[in-house]
Amino acid sequence: MKGVEVDFDAFAREQLPSLVRFAAALAGDTQLAQDLVQDTLVRAYPRMSRVAGADRPDLYLRRMVLNSYLSWRRRWYQRMVQSVADPAAGPHPVTPDPAGRIADRAELAVLLGRLGRQQRAAIVLRFYEDRDDDEIAAVLGCTAATVRSHISRGLARLRLRMRTEKDTGIARGEAATA
């Protein structure tokens, strides 16, 4: 059993940064992404032989992250923990998110958040993860043709929403009903 722990630890350390980036691009929230990846790795540990035995263990883990993301809203009430600020501790300095300095990224994150889950996942896997159709199909559990359809329709919706928001003068980051 000790050998499995060592292999899993090394594998998890190697995959962690890219899994968190993938989950953050899907969820649009770094903290939620870290929670999703942590839950995925906890579930993957007892199944390490199955994960390691897969043709592409990295894609197997991404599929697990995607499944966690797709079902997190059903369990949001179990995950949401509100912290109470300690008034005696004083105000805590807020560190701005470096990505917030790049307006286009923030706008894209908002627009991606408005896509359907499958379209968002397909676009993130293609353009953030640089995966091909077959790899994306393996993660999404569909055919390569369906992947192309998700990406095509998702990009069309993004273009339409960007054009609509630009024409109507909606400020970046605000919710729109397109």
C-alpha atoms as a PDB file:
ATOM      1  CA  MET A   1       0.000   0.000   0.000  1.00  0.00           C
ATOM      2  CA  LYS A   2       2.924   2.323   0.659  1.00  0.00           C
ATOM      3  CA  GLY A   3       3.965   2.114  -3.011  1.00  0.00           C
ATOM      4  CA  VAL A   4       0.517   3.284  -4.109  1.00  0.00           C
ATOM      5  CA  GLU A   5       0.782   6.324  -1.834  1.00  0.00           C
ATOM      6  CA  VAL A   6       4.162   7.311  -3.284  1.00  0.00           C
ATOM      7  CA  ASP A   7       2.958   6.851  -6.868  1.00  0.00           C
ATOM      8  CA  PHE A   8      -0.248   8.741  -6.170  1.00  0.00           C
ATOM      9  CA  ASP A   9       1.584  11.603  -4.440  1.00  0.00           C
ATOM     10  CA  ALA A  10       3.971  12.053  -7.354  1.00  0.00           C
ATOM     11  CA  PHE A  11       1.175  11.771  -9.904  1.00  0.00           C
ATOM     12  CA  ALA A  12      -1.027  14.242  -7.992  1.00  0.00           C
ATOM     13  CA  ARG A  13       1.810  16.767  -7.631  1.00  0.00           C
ATOM     14  CA  GLU A  14       2.504  16.528 -11.347  1.00  0.00           C
ATOM     15  CA  GLN A  15      -1.163  16.947 -12.365  1.00  0.00           C
ATOM     16  CA  LEU A  16      -2.258  19.491  -9.744  1.00  0.00           C
ATOM     17  CA  PRO A  17      -1.377  22.786 -11.484  1.00  0.00           C
ATOM     18  CA  SER A  18      -3.008  21.869 -14.788  1.00  0.00           C
ATOM     19  CA  LEU A  19      -6.073  20.393 -13.051  1.00  0.00           C
ATOM     20  CA  VAL A  20      -6.597  23.573 -11.020  1.00  0.00           C
ATOM     21  CA  ARG A  21      -6.223  25.714 -14.158  1.00  0.00           C
ATOM     22  CA  PHE A  22      -8.733  23.503 -15.976  1.00  0.00           C
ATOM     23  CA  ALA A  23     -11.216  23.621 -13.095  1.00  0.00           C
ATOM     24  CA  ALA A  24     -10.780  27.389 -12.685  1.00  0.00           C
ATOM     25  CA  ALA A  25     -11.498  27.944 -16.355  1.00  0.00           C
ATOM     26  CA  LEU A  26     -14.625  25.801 -16.045  1.00  0.00           C
ATOM     27  CA  ALA A  27     -15.923  27.233 -12.782  1.00  0.00           C
ATOM     28  CA  GLY A  28     -14.712  30.806 -13.144  1.00  0.00           C
ATOM     29  CA  ASP A  29     -13.641  30.748  -9.482  1.00  0.00           C
ATOM     30  CA  THR A  30     -10.206  29.730  -8.236  1.00  0.00           C
ATOM     31  CA  GLN A  31     -11.365  28.696  -4.777  1.00  0.00           C
ATOM     32  CA  LEU A  32     -14.132  26.516  -6.165  1.00  0.00           C
ATOM     33  CA  ALA A  33     -11.628  25.069  -8.644  1.00  0.00           C
ATOM     34  CA  GLN A  34      -9.277  24.116  -5.808  1.00  0.00           C
ATOM     35  CA  ASP A  35     -12.166  22.466  -3.963  1.00  0.00           C
ATOM     36  CA  LEU A  36     -13.201  20.548  -7.082  1.00  0.00           C
ATOM     37  CA  VAL A  37      -9.666  19.308  -7.681  1.00  0.00           C
ATOM     38  CA  GLN A  38      -9.203  18.375  -4.035  1.00  0.00           C
ATOM     39  CA  ASP A  39     -12.453  16.386  -4.038  1.00  0.00           C
ATOM     40  CA  THR A  40     -11.417  14.725  -7.291  1.00  0.00           C
ATOM     41  CA  LEU A  41      -8.034  13.693  -5.935  1.00  0.00           C
ATOM     42  CA  VAL A  42      -9.641  12.347  -2.758  1.00  0.00           C
ATOM     43  CA  ARG A  43     -11.974  10.237  -4.898  1.00  0.00           C
ATOM     44  CA  ALA A  44      -9.128   9.201  -7.226  1.00  0.00           C
ATOM     45  CA  TYR A  45      -6.849   7.912  -4.466  1.00  0.00           C
ATOM     46  CA  PRO A  46      -8.712   4.652  -3.773  1.00  0.00           C
ATOM     47  CA  ARG A  47      -9.083   4.175  -7.547  1.00  0.00           C
ATOM     48  CA  MET A  48      -5.441   4.859  -8.342  1.00  0.00           C
ATOM     49  CA  SER A  49      -4.964   1.497 -10.051  1.00  0.00           C
ATOM     50  CA  ARG A  50      -7.908   2.286 -12.361  1.00  0.00           C
ATOM     51  CA  VAL A  51      -6.648   5.826 -13.003  1.00  0.00           C
ATOM     52  CA  ALA A  52      -3.090   4.640 -13.675  1.00  0.00           C
ATOM     53  CA  GLY A  53      -4.404   1.819 -15.874  1.00  0.00           C
ATOM     54  CA  ALA A  54      -6.259   4.211 -18.161  1.00  0.00           C
ATOM     55  CA  ASP A  55      -4.798   4.966 -21.593  1.00  0.00           C
ATOM     56  CA  ARG A  56      -4.460   8.626 -20.611  1.00  0.00           C
ATOM     57  CA  PRO A  57      -4.511   9.082 -16.819  1.00  0.00           C
ATOM     58  CA  ASP A  58      -4.446  12.866 -17.217  1.00  0.00           C
ATOM     59  CA  LEU A  59      -7.642  12.773 -19.285  1.00  0.00           C
ATOM     60  CA  TYR A  60      -9.212  10.363 -16.794  1.00  0.00           C
ATOM     61  CA  LEU A  61      -8.598  12.891 -14.011  1.00  0.00           C
ATOM     62  CA  ARG A  62      -9.959  15.720 -16.148  1.00  0.00           C
ATOM     63  CA  ARG A  63     -13.104  13.687 -16.697  1.00  0.00           C
ATOM     64  CA  MET A  64     -13.394  13.284 -12.924  1.00  0.00           C
ATOM     65  CA  VAL A  65     -12.921  17.059 -12.459  1.00  0.00           C
ATOM     66  CA  LEU A  66     -15.537  17.733 -15.126  1.00  0.00           C
ATOM     67  CA  ASN A  67     -18.000  15.369 -13.439  1.00  0.00           C
ATOM     68  CA  SER A  68     -17.375  17.119 -10.118  1.00  0.00           C
ATOM     69  CA  TYR A  69     -17.950  20.482 -11.760  1.00  0.00           C
ATOM     70  CA  LEU A  70     -21.131  19.350 -13.489  1.00  0.00           C
ATOM     71  CA  SER A  71     -22.623  18.078 -10.246  1.00  0.00           C
ATOM     72  CA  TRP A  72     -21.384  20.702  -7.776  1.00  0.00           C
ATOM     73  CA  ARG A  73     -24.497  22.836  -8.127  1.00  0.00           C
ATOM     74  CA  ARG A  74     -26.625  19.920  -6.993  1.00  0.00           C
ATOM     75  CA  ARG A  75     -24.619  19.835  -3.803  1.00  0.00           C
ATOM     76  CA  TRP A  76     -23.908  23.545  -3.359  1.00  0.00           C
ATOM     77  CA  TYR A  77     -25.599  23.671   0.003  1.00  0.00           C
ATOM     78  CA  GLN A  78     -23.106  21.128   1.344  1.00  0.00           C
ATOM     79  CA  ARG A  79     -20.134  23.065   0.022  1.00  0.00           C
ATOM     80  CA  MET A  80     -21.015  26.617   0.913  1.00  0.00           C
ATOM     81  CA  VAL A  81     -19.490  27.641   4.211  1.00  0.00           C
ATOM     82  CA  GLN A  82     -19.801  31.259   5.191  1.00  0.00           C
ATOM     83  CA  SER A  83     -17.090  32.585   7.399  1.00  0.00           C
ATOM     84  CA  VAL A  84     -17.842  35.210   9.979  1.00  0.00           C
ATOM     85  CA  ALA A  85     -15.320  37.996  10.077  1.00  0.00           C
ATOM     86  CA  ASP A  86     -13.729  38.580  13.455  1.00  0.00           C
ATOM     87  CA  PRO A  87     -14.365  42.269  14.234  1.00  0.00           C
ATOM     88  CA  ALA A  88     -11.496  42.285  16.745  1.00  0.00           C
ATOM     89  CA  ALA A  89      -9.022  41.247  14.067  1.00  0.00           C
ATOM     90  CA  GLY A  90      -9.635  44.407  12.064  1.00  0.00           C
ATOM     91  CA  PRO A  91      -9.974  44.713   8.314  1.00  0.00           C
ATOM     92  CA  HIS A  92      -8.018  42.250   6.243  1.00  0.00           C
ATOM     93  CA  PRO A  93      -6.176  43.639   3.244  1.00  0.00           C
ATOM     94  CA  VAL A  94      -7.638  42.402   0.010  1.00  0.00           C
ATOM     95  CA  THR A  95      -5.124  41.340  -2.595  1.00  0.00           C
ATOM     96  CA  PRO A  96      -6.458  42.057  -6.058  1.00  0.00           C
ATOM     97  CA  ASP A  97      -6.596  39.159  -8.473  1.00  0.00           C
ATOM     98  CA  PRO A  98      -3.855  39.657 -11.081  1.00  0.00           C
ATOM     99  CA  ALA A  99      -6.196  38.412 -13.806  1.00  0.00           C
ATOM    100  CA  GLY A 100      -8.546  41.279 -12.937  1.00  0.00           C
ATOM    101  CA  ARG A 101      -6.029  43.667 -14.475  1.00  0.00           C
ATOM    102  CA  ILE A 102      -6.678  42.138 -17.864  1.00  0.00           C
ATOM    103  CA  ALA A 103     -10.132  43.283 -18.857  1.00  0.00           C
ATOM    104  CA  ASP A 104     -10.476  40.943 -21.804  1.00  0.00           C
ATOM    105  CA  ARG A 105      -9.859  37.904 -19.615  1.00  0.00           C
ATOM    106  CA  ALA A 106     -12.450  39.084 -17.126  1.00  0.00           C
ATOM    107  CA  GLU A 107     -14.968  39.679 -19.891  1.00  0.00           C
ATOM    108  CA  LEU A 108     -14.220  36.272 -21.400  1.00  0.00           C
ATOM    109  CA  ALA A 109     -14.687  34.600 -18.009  1.00  0.00           C
ATOM    110  CA  VAL A 110     -18.106  36.236 -17.662  1.00  0.00           C
ATOM    111  CA  LEU A 111     -19.085  35.195 -21.172  1.00  0.00           C
ATOM    112  CA  LEU A 112     -17.833  31.632 -20.639  1.00  0.00           C
ATOM    113  CA  GLY A 113     -19.880  31.488 -17.466  1.00  0.00           C
ATOM    114  CA  ARG A 114     -23.014  32.085 -19.504  1.00  0.00           C
ATOM    115  CA  LEU A 115     -22.436  29.117 -21.798  1.00  0.00           C
ATOM    116  CA  GLY A 116     -23.901  25.702 -21.163  1.00  0.00           C
ATOM    117  CA  ARG A 117     -21.700  23.366 -19.179  1.00  0.00           C
ATOM    118  CA  GLN A 118     -20.841  21.031 -22.056  1.00  0.00           C
ATOM    119  CA  GLN A 119     -20.041  23.914 -24.423  1.00  0.00           C
ATOM    120  CA  ARG A 120     -17.935  25.625 -21.771  1.00  0.00           C
ATOM    121  CA  ALA A 121     -16.051  22.414 -21.028  1.00  0.00           C
ATOM    122  CA  ALA A 122     -15.391  21.776 -24.724  1.00  0.00           C
ATOM    123  CA  ILE A 123     -14.138  25.326 -25.300  1.00  0.00           C
ATOM    124  CA  VAL A 124     -11.947  25.268 -22.199  1.00  0.00           C
ATOM    125  CA  LEU A 125     -10.455  21.926 -23.164  1.00  0.00           C
ATOM    126  CA  ARG A 126      -9.778  23.115 -26.727  1.00  0.00           C
ATOM    127  CA  PHE A 127      -8.463  26.625 -26.144  1.00  0.00           C
ATOM    128  CA  TYR A 128      -7.117  26.550 -22.583  1.00  0.00           C
ATOM    129  CA  GLU A 129      -5.858  22.978 -22.518  1.00  0.00           C
ATOM    130  CA  ASP A 130      -5.030  22.705 -26.259  1.00  0.00           C
ATOM    131  CA  ARG A 131      -6.689  19.278 -26.549  1.00  0.00           C
ATOM    132  CA  ASP A 132      -7.762  17.690 -29.817  1.00  0.00           C
ATOM    133  CA  ASP A 133     -11.279  16.447 -30.613  1.00  0.00           C
ATOM    134  CA  ASP A 134     -10.603  12.851 -29.572  1.00  0.00           C
ATOM    135  CA  GLU A 135      -9.152  13.868 -26.199  1.00  0.00           C
ATOM    136  CA  ILE A 136     -12.058  16.223 -25.536  1.00  0.00           C
ATOM    137  CA  ALA A 137     -14.517  13.507 -26.549  1.00  0.00           C
ATOM    138  CA  ALA A 138     -12.867  11.143 -24.060  1.00  0.00           C
ATOM    139  CA  VAL A 139     -13.253  13.704 -21.262  1.00  0.00           C
ATOM    140  CA  LEU A 140     -16.828  14.652 -22.146  1.00  0.00           C
ATOM    141  CA  GLY A 141     -17.913  11.097 -22.914  1.00  0.00           C
ATOM    142  CA  CYS A 142     -19.241  11.875 -26.372  1.00  0.00           C
ATOM    143  CA  THR A 143     -18.148  11.616 -29.995  1.00  0.00           C
ATOM    144  CA  ALA A 144     -15.653  13.879 -31.739  1.00  0.00           C
ATOM    145  CA  ALA A 145     -18.490  15.213 -33.920  1.00  0.00           C
ATOM    146  CA  THR A 146     -20.400  16.254 -30.811  1.00  0.00           C
ATOM    147  CA  VAL A 147     -17.271  17.998 -29.538  1.00  0.00           C
ATOM    148  CA  ARG A 148     -17.012  19.981 -32.760  1.00  0.00           C
ATOM    149  CA  SER A 149     -20.694  20.868 -32.460  1.00  0.00           C
ATOM    150  CA  HIS A 150     -20.273  22.044 -28.849  1.00  0.00           C
ATOM    151  CA  ILE A 151     -17.293  24.183 -29.801  1.00  0.00           C
ATOM    152  CA  SER A 152     -18.937  25.636 -32.897  1.00  0.00           C
ATOM    153  CA  ARG A 153     -22.172  26.503 -31.113  1.00  0.00           C
ATOM    154  CA  GLY A 154     -20.337  27.787 -28.056  1.00  0.00           C
ATOM    155  CA  LEU A 155     -18.121  30.089 -30.113  1.00  0.00           C
ATOM    156  CA  ALA A 156     -21.147  31.333 -32.046  1.00  0.00           C
ATOM    157  CA  ARG A 157     -22.900  32.165 -28.752  1.00  0.00           C
ATOM    158  CA  LEU A 158     -19.779  33.924 -27.480  1.00  0.00           C
ATOM    159  CA  ARG A 159     -19.524  36.008 -30.650  1.00  0.00           C
ATOM    160  CA  LEU A 160     -23.205  36.912 -30.508  1.00  0.00           C
ATOM    161  CA  ARG A 161     -23.052  37.884 -26.840  1.00  0.00           C
ATOM    162  CA  MET A 162     -19.912  39.955 -27.367  1.00  0.00           C
ATOM    163  CA  ARG A 163     -21.524  41.751 -30.286  1.00  0.00           C
ATOM    164  CA  THR A 164     -24.784  42.254 -28.374  1.00  0.00           C
ATOM    165  CA  GLU A 165     -23.028  43.626 -25.298  1.00  0.00           C
ATOM    166  CA  LYS A 166     -20.862  45.910 -27.402  1.00  0.00           C
ATOM    167  CA  ASP A 167     -23.904  47.235 -29.311  1.00  0.00           C
ATOM    168  CA  THR A 168     -26.011  47.787 -26.199  1.00  0.00           C
ATOM    169  CA  GLY A 169     -23.153  49.306 -24.202  1.00  0.00           C
ATOM    170  CA  ILE A 170     -23.332  46.885 -21.291  1.00  0.00           C
ATOM    171  CA  ALA A 171     -20.422  47.370 -18.924  1.00  0.00           C
ATOM    172  CA  ARG A 172     -17.911  44.577 -18.543  1.00  0.00           C
ATOM    173  CA  GLY A 173     -18.649  42.068 -15.815  1.00  0.00           C
ATOM    174  CA  GLU A 174     -22.338  42.911 -15.505  1.00  0.00           C
ATOM    175  CA  ALA A 175     -24.918  40.197 -16.018  1.00  0.00           C
ATOM    176  CA  ALA A 176     -26.702  40.332 -19.341  1.00  0.00           C
ATOM    177  CA  THR A 177     -29.776  38.573 -20.532  1.00  0.00           C
ATOM    178  CA  ALA A 178     -28.848  37.516 -24.018  1.00  0.00           C
END
